[in-house]
Amino acid sequence: MKSLNFIRVLEAVRTMLQEKGGIDVSIAMQDQVGLPTTMIEMIEQEEEESRTAWKEKYRFAVHHYTNEMDLAGVEKIDTLIQTGFTLPEGYKLMAVRHFGKQNLVKENTLIHAKTSFEVSICRELKVKI
């Protein structure tokens, strides 16, 4: 019995998701993606309780795919995010902290590092009239 080519299986899954779910799907093969590759995933956003200011919490994960030679890139991303970033005018970054479990998974020569963060942002101060 002849086995089905793996790319045809992936194409069948993609077609089903596009046709039945209206979902735009791309197929990425590991050998086609340049390493290192980094992606950001938004997990959730919520209002933060505060008596003095309008605050929000954002939780996101950074996925970093690399080879064994670039493990320092994982630490660099973590350090850069921990030092903070510039937000649009009218918003202030209050805190950056790790959120949840940090994962480092090694499969053959591929390393997938997932680091989740929670940031607190202040929009404006509450004023009593």
N, C-alpha and C. Protein backbone atom coordinates (compact mmCIF):
# COMPACT_ATOMS: atom_id res chain seq x y z
N MET A 1 0.84 -1.17 0.00
CA MET A 1 0.00 0.00 0.00
C MET A 1 0.89 1.24 0.00
N LYS A 2 0.60 2.16 -0.89
CA LYS A 2 1.39 3.38 -1.03
C LYS A 2 0.91 4.40 0.00
N SER A 3 1.87 5.04 0.73
CA SER A 3 1.48 6.04 1.73
C SER A 3 1.27 7.40 1.05
N LEU A 4 0.43 8.19 1.66
CA LEU A 4 0.09 9.51 1.16
C LEU A 4 1.21 10.49 1.51
N ASN A 5 1.61 11.34 0.59
CA ASN A 5 2.63 12.34 0.82
C ASN A 5 2.15 13.30 1.90
N PHE A 6 3.02 13.62 2.89
CA PHE A 6 2.62 14.46 4.02
C PHE A 6 2.13 15.84 3.59
N ILE A 7 2.67 16.40 2.52
CA ILE A 7 2.24 17.73 2.08
C ILE A 7 0.79 17.67 1.60
N ARG A 8 0.37 16.55 1.01
CA ARG A 8 -1.02 16.40 0.57
C ARG A 8 -1.97 16.33 1.76
N VAL A 9 -1.51 15.74 2.86
CA VAL A 9 -2.32 15.70 4.08
C VAL A 9 -2.50 17.12 4.62
N LEU A 10 -1.41 17.86 4.68
CA LEU A 10 -1.47 19.24 5.17
C LEU A 10 -2.36 20.11 4.27
N GLU A 11 -2.26 19.90 2.96
CA GLU A 11 -3.10 20.66 2.03
C GLU A 11 -4.58 20.33 2.23
N ALA A 12 -4.89 19.06 2.52
CA ALA A 12 -6.28 18.68 2.75
C ALA A 12 -6.82 19.34 4.01
N VAL A 13 -6.01 19.40 5.06
CA VAL A 13 -6.42 20.07 6.30
C VAL A 13 -6.61 21.56 6.04
N ARG A 14 -5.69 22.17 5.32
CA ARG A 14 -5.79 23.60 5.00
C ARG A 14 -7.07 23.88 4.21
N THR A 15 -7.36 23.07 3.21
CA THR A 15 -8.56 23.26 2.38
C THR A 15 -9.82 23.18 3.22
N MET A 16 -9.89 22.20 4.12
CA MET A 16 -11.05 22.06 4.98
C MET A 16 -11.23 23.28 5.88
N LEU A 17 -10.14 23.77 6.49
CA LEU A 17 -10.23 24.94 7.37
C LEU A 17 -10.66 26.19 6.59
N GLN A 18 -10.16 26.32 5.36
CA GLN A 18 -10.52 27.48 4.54
C GLN A 18 -11.98 27.40 4.09
N GLU A 19 -12.40 26.24 3.60
CA GLU A 19 -13.74 26.10 3.04
C GLU A 19 -14.82 26.06 4.11
N LYS A 20 -14.62 25.30 5.16
CA LYS A 20 -15.65 25.15 6.19
C LYS A 20 -15.59 26.24 7.26
N GLY A 21 -14.39 26.76 7.53
CA GLY A 21 -14.25 27.73 8.61
C GLY A 21 -13.95 29.14 8.15
N GLY A 22 -13.68 29.32 6.85
CA GLY A 22 -13.32 30.65 6.36
C GLY A 22 -12.02 31.14 6.96
N ILE A 23 -11.13 30.22 7.33
CA ILE A 23 -9.86 30.57 8.00
C ILE A 23 -8.74 30.58 6.97
N ASP A 24 -7.99 31.68 6.95
CA ASP A 24 -6.83 31.79 6.06
C ASP A 24 -5.67 31.03 6.70
N VAL A 25 -5.20 29.99 6.04
CA VAL A 25 -4.18 29.11 6.60
C VAL A 25 -2.99 29.04 5.67
N SER A 26 -1.80 29.12 6.25
CA SER A 26 -0.56 28.96 5.50
C SER A 26 0.13 27.69 5.97
N ILE A 27 0.79 27.03 5.06
CA ILE A 27 1.59 25.86 5.41
C ILE A 27 3.04 26.30 5.43
N ALA A 28 3.70 26.07 6.55
CA ALA A 28 5.11 26.42 6.67
C ALA A 28 5.89 25.16 7.03
N MET A 29 6.84 24.84 6.22
CA MET A 29 7.68 23.68 6.47
C MET A 29 8.92 24.16 7.23
N GLN A 30 9.36 23.36 8.17
CA GLN A 30 10.48 23.74 9.02
C GLN A 30 11.70 24.14 8.21
N ASP A 31 11.97 23.44 7.13
CA ASP A 31 13.15 23.77 6.34
C ASP A 31 12.96 25.00 5.46
N GLN A 32 11.74 25.55 5.40
CA GLN A 32 11.48 26.76 4.61
C GLN A 32 11.52 28.03 5.47
N VAL A 33 11.49 27.86 6.77
CA VAL A 33 11.48 29.01 7.67
C VAL A 33 12.90 29.28 8.11
N GLY A 34 13.35 30.51 7.88
CA GLY A 34 14.69 30.88 8.30
C GLY A 34 14.79 30.93 9.81
N LEU A 35 15.88 30.45 10.34
CA LEU A 35 16.10 30.50 11.78
C LEU A 35 17.15 31.53 12.09
N PRO A 36 17.03 32.25 13.15
CA PRO A 36 15.96 32.21 14.13
C PRO A 36 14.71 32.94 13.64
N THR A 37 13.53 32.54 14.14
CA THR A 37 12.25 33.16 13.82
C THR A 37 11.54 33.45 15.14
N THR A 38 10.96 34.64 15.24
CA THR A 38 10.27 35.04 16.46
C THR A 38 8.88 35.51 16.13
N MET A 39 7.88 35.07 16.93
CA MET A 39 6.48 35.47 16.75
C MET A 39 5.91 35.90 18.09
N ILE A 40 4.96 36.83 18.05
CA ILE A 40 4.28 37.28 19.27
C ILE A 40 2.83 36.85 19.20
N GLU A 41 2.33 36.29 20.29
CA GLU A 41 0.94 35.82 20.39
C GLU A 41 0.24 36.60 21.50
N MET A 42 -0.87 37.28 21.18
CA MET A 42 -1.66 37.97 22.20
C MET A 42 -2.51 36.93 22.91
N ILE A 43 -2.43 36.89 24.24
CA ILE A 43 -3.20 35.93 25.02
C ILE A 43 -4.50 36.55 25.50
N GLU A 44 -4.42 37.71 26.19
CA GLU A 44 -5.63 38.37 26.64
C GLU A 44 -5.35 39.80 27.09
N GLN A 45 -6.42 40.56 27.23
CA GLN A 45 -6.37 41.94 27.70
C GLN A 45 -7.52 42.11 28.70
N GLU A 46 -7.26 42.82 29.78
CA GLU A 46 -8.33 43.07 30.75
C GLU A 46 -8.07 44.39 31.48
N GLU A 47 -9.16 44.95 32.00
CA GLU A 47 -9.04 46.15 32.82
C GLU A 47 -8.43 45.75 34.16
N GLU A 48 -7.60 46.62 34.72
CA GLU A 48 -6.97 46.38 36.01
C GLU A 48 -7.62 47.31 37.04
N GLU A 49 -7.99 46.75 38.18
CA GLU A 49 -8.62 47.54 39.23
C GLU A 49 -7.63 48.56 39.80
N SER A 50 -8.06 49.83 39.86
CA SER A 50 -7.24 50.88 40.44
C SER A 50 -8.15 52.02 40.87
N ARG A 51 -7.86 52.60 42.02
CA ARG A 51 -8.65 53.74 42.51
C ARG A 51 -8.12 55.05 41.94
N THR A 52 -6.88 55.05 41.45
CA THR A 52 -6.25 56.31 41.05
C THR A 52 -6.08 56.50 39.55
N ALA A 53 -6.14 55.41 38.77
CA ALA A 53 -5.88 55.55 37.34
C ALA A 53 -6.65 54.50 36.54
N TRP A 54 -6.81 54.76 35.24
CA TRP A 54 -7.38 53.78 34.32
C TRP A 54 -6.23 52.91 33.86
N LYS A 55 -6.28 51.63 34.21
CA LYS A 55 -5.18 50.72 33.90
C LYS A 55 -5.69 49.50 33.14
N GLU A 56 -4.80 48.91 32.38
CA GLU A 56 -5.09 47.70 31.63
C GLU A 56 -3.93 46.73 31.78
N LYS A 57 -4.24 45.44 31.72
CA LYS A 57 -3.23 44.39 31.70
C LYS A 57 -3.27 43.71 30.34
N TYR A 58 -2.12 43.47 29.79
CA TYR A 58 -2.00 42.72 28.54
C TYR A 58 -1.11 41.52 28.81
N ARG A 59 -1.54 40.36 28.33
CA ARG A 59 -0.74 39.15 28.45
C ARG A 59 -0.43 38.64 27.05
N PHE A 60 0.86 38.39 26.81
CA PHE A 60 1.27 37.91 25.49
C PHE A 60 2.43 36.94 25.65
N ALA A 61 2.62 36.15 24.61
CA ALA A 61 3.73 35.18 24.60
C ALA A 61 4.62 35.46 23.41
N VAL A 62 5.90 35.29 23.62
CA VAL A 62 6.87 35.39 22.54
C VAL A 62 7.37 33.98 22.26
N HIS A 63 7.19 33.55 21.01
CA HIS A 63 7.68 32.23 20.57
C HIS A 63 8.94 32.48 19.77
N HIS A 64 10.01 31.84 20.17
CA HIS A 64 11.29 31.99 19.47
C HIS A 64 11.76 30.61 19.03
N TYR A 65 11.91 30.45 17.73
CA TYR A 65 12.39 29.19 17.15
C TYR A 65 13.82 29.41 16.70
N THR A 66 14.70 28.53 17.12
CA THR A 66 16.12 28.71 16.83
C THR A 66 16.82 27.35 16.74
N ASN A 67 18.09 27.42 16.43
CA ASN A 67 18.90 26.20 16.46
C ASN A 67 19.76 26.23 17.72
N GLU A 68 20.52 25.21 17.95
CA GLU A 68 21.30 25.13 19.18
C GLU A 68 22.32 26.25 19.32
N MET A 69 22.74 26.82 18.22
CA MET A 69 23.79 27.84 18.26
C MET A 69 23.27 29.21 18.69
N ASP A 70 21.95 29.42 18.70
CA ASP A 70 21.40 30.75 18.96
C ASP A 70 20.58 30.80 20.26
N LEU A 71 20.91 30.00 21.24
CA LEU A 71 20.18 30.03 22.49
C LEU A 71 20.29 31.39 23.18
N ALA A 72 21.36 32.12 22.91
CA ALA A 72 21.52 33.46 23.46
C ALA A 72 20.43 34.41 22.96
N GLY A 73 19.86 34.13 21.79
CA GLY A 73 18.78 34.96 21.27
C GLY A 73 17.54 34.91 22.15
N VAL A 74 17.29 33.77 22.77
CA VAL A 74 16.15 33.62 23.68
C VAL A 74 16.33 34.54 24.88
N GLU A 75 17.52 34.55 25.45
CA GLU A 75 17.80 35.41 26.59
C GLU A 75 17.77 36.88 26.20
N LYS A 76 18.22 37.20 25.01
CA LYS A 76 18.23 38.59 24.55
C LYS A 76 16.80 39.13 24.45
N ILE A 77 15.89 38.34 23.88
CA ILE A 77 14.49 38.76 23.76
C ILE A 77 13.90 39.01 25.14
N ASP A 78 14.15 38.10 26.07
CA ASP A 78 13.64 38.24 27.43
C ASP A 78 14.17 39.51 28.09
N THR A 79 15.45 39.75 27.97
CA THR A 79 16.07 40.93 28.58
C THR A 79 15.51 42.21 27.97
N LEU A 80 15.36 42.25 26.66
CA LEU A 80 14.85 43.46 26.00
C LEU A 80 13.42 43.77 26.44
N ILE A 81 12.57 42.76 26.51
CA ILE A 81 11.18 43.00 26.94
C ILE A 81 11.15 43.44 28.40
N GLN A 82 11.97 42.83 29.24
CA GLN A 82 11.99 43.20 30.66
C GLN A 82 12.43 44.65 30.87
N THR A 83 13.24 45.20 29.98
CA THR A 83 13.69 46.59 30.14
C THR A 83 12.62 47.58 29.71
N GLY A 84 11.55 47.11 29.08
CA GLY A 84 10.43 47.98 28.73
C GLY A 84 10.47 48.42 27.28
N PHE A 85 9.40 49.13 26.89
CA PHE A 85 9.27 49.60 25.51
C PHE A 85 8.43 50.86 25.50
N THR A 86 8.49 51.59 24.41
CA THR A 86 7.80 52.87 24.28
C THR A 86 6.39 52.66 23.74
N LEU A 87 5.42 53.23 24.41
CA LEU A 87 4.02 53.16 24.00
C LEU A 87 3.61 54.47 23.34
N PRO A 88 2.48 54.47 22.64
CA PRO A 88 2.00 55.72 22.03
C PRO A 88 1.75 56.79 23.10
N GLU A 89 1.75 58.03 22.69
CA GLU A 89 1.53 59.15 23.60
C GLU A 89 0.21 58.97 24.35
N GLY A 90 0.23 59.29 25.64
CA GLY A 90 -0.96 59.16 26.46
C GLY A 90 -1.03 57.85 27.23
N TYR A 91 -0.10 56.95 26.99
CA TYR A 91 -0.05 55.67 27.69
C TYR A 91 1.30 55.52 28.37
N LYS A 92 1.30 54.93 29.55
CA LYS A 92 2.54 54.75 30.30
C LYS A 92 2.67 53.29 30.71
N LEU A 93 3.83 52.72 30.46
CA LEU A 93 4.12 51.35 30.86
C LEU A 93 4.45 51.34 32.35
N MET A 94 3.62 50.64 33.13
CA MET A 94 3.79 50.61 34.59
C MET A 94 4.65 49.44 35.06
N ALA A 95 4.46 48.27 34.46
CA ALA A 95 5.19 47.08 34.91
C ALA A 95 5.26 46.05 33.80
N VAL A 96 6.35 45.31 33.80
CA VAL A 96 6.52 44.16 32.91
C VAL A 96 6.97 43.00 33.79
N ARG A 97 6.26 41.87 33.68
CA ARG A 97 6.64 40.70 34.48
C ARG A 97 6.34 39.43 33.69
N HIS A 98 7.03 38.37 34.08
CA HIS A 98 6.75 37.07 33.46
C HIS A 98 5.36 36.62 33.87
N PHE A 99 4.72 35.89 32.98
CA PHE A 99 3.36 35.41 33.23
C PHE A 99 3.31 33.92 32.92
N GLY A 100 2.99 33.13 33.90
CA GLY A 100 2.81 31.70 33.67
C GLY A 100 4.12 30.97 33.47
N LYS A 101 4.00 29.78 32.93
CA LYS A 101 5.12 28.88 32.74
C LYS A 101 5.93 29.26 31.51
N GLN A 102 7.24 29.25 31.65
CA GLN A 102 8.13 29.49 30.52
C GLN A 102 8.57 28.13 29.99
N ASN A 103 8.50 27.93 28.69
CA ASN A 103 8.82 26.62 28.10
C ASN A 103 10.03 26.71 27.19
N LEU A 104 10.84 25.66 27.22
CA LEU A 104 11.94 25.50 26.29
C LEU A 104 11.91 24.04 25.85
N VAL A 105 11.54 23.81 24.59
CA VAL A 105 11.40 22.45 24.08
C VAL A 105 12.42 22.25 22.97
N LYS A 106 13.16 21.16 23.06
CA LYS A 106 14.17 20.84 22.05
C LYS A 106 13.72 19.60 21.28
N GLU A 107 13.67 19.72 19.95
CA GLU A 107 13.37 18.60 19.07
C GLU A 107 14.43 18.54 18.00
N ASN A 108 15.26 17.53 18.05
CA ASN A 108 16.40 17.40 17.14
C ASN A 108 17.27 18.64 17.24
N THR A 109 17.38 19.42 16.16
CA THR A 109 18.20 20.64 16.21
C THR A 109 17.36 21.90 16.36
N LEU A 110 16.05 21.75 16.51
CA LEU A 110 15.16 22.91 16.64
C LEU A 110 14.82 23.15 18.11
N ILE A 111 14.93 24.39 18.54
CA ILE A 111 14.55 24.78 19.90
C ILE A 111 13.39 25.76 19.80
N HIS A 112 12.31 25.47 20.56
CA HIS A 112 11.15 26.37 20.63
C HIS A 112 11.09 26.90 22.05
N ALA A 113 11.34 28.18 22.19
CA ALA A 113 11.26 28.83 23.50
C ALA A 113 10.00 29.68 23.52
N LYS A 114 9.18 29.49 24.55
CA LYS A 114 7.97 30.29 24.72
C LYS A 114 8.07 31.00 26.06
N THR A 115 8.04 32.32 26.01
CA THR A 115 8.10 33.13 27.22
C THR A 115 6.88 34.03 27.23
N SER A 116 6.11 33.97 28.33
CA SER A 116 4.89 34.77 28.43
C SER A 116 5.12 35.94 29.37
N PHE A 117 4.50 37.06 29.02
CA PHE A 117 4.66 38.29 29.79
C PHE A 117 3.30 38.88 30.12
N GLU A 118 3.28 39.66 31.18
CA GLU A 118 2.11 40.47 31.54
C GLU A 118 2.62 41.89 31.70
N VAL A 119 1.99 42.84 31.02
CA VAL A 119 2.36 44.23 31.16
C VAL A 119 1.16 45.01 31.69
N SER A 120 1.44 45.96 32.57
CA SER A 120 0.41 46.85 33.09
C SER A 120 0.64 48.23 32.47
N ILE A 121 -0.46 48.79 31.96
CA ILE A 121 -0.39 50.07 31.26
C ILE A 121 -1.39 51.03 31.89
N CYS A 122 -0.96 52.26 32.09
CA CYS A 122 -1.82 53.30 32.62
C CYS A 122 -2.25 54.20 31.46
N ARG A 123 -3.56 54.40 31.31
CA ARG A 123 -4.08 55.28 30.27
C ARG A 123 -4.14 56.72 30.73
N GLU A 124 -4.73 56.95 31.93
CA GLU A 124 -4.83 58.31 32.47
C GLU A 124 -5.23 58.22 33.93
N LEU A 125 -5.00 59.30 34.65
CA LEU A 125 -5.36 59.35 36.06
C LEU A 125 -6.84 59.63 36.21
N LYS A 126 -7.44 59.07 37.26
CA LYS A 126 -8.83 59.34 37.57
C LYS A 126 -8.88 60.66 38.34
N VAL A 127 -9.83 61.50 38.00
CA VAL A 127 -9.93 62.82 38.63
C VAL A 127 -11.27 62.94 39.31
N LYS A 128 -11.27 63.48 40.57
CA LYS A 128 -12.52 63.74 41.27
C LYS A 128 -12.99 65.14 40.93
N ILE A 129 -14.28 65.27 40.70
CA ILE A 129 -14.86 66.58 40.39
C ILE A 129 -15.73 67.03 41.53
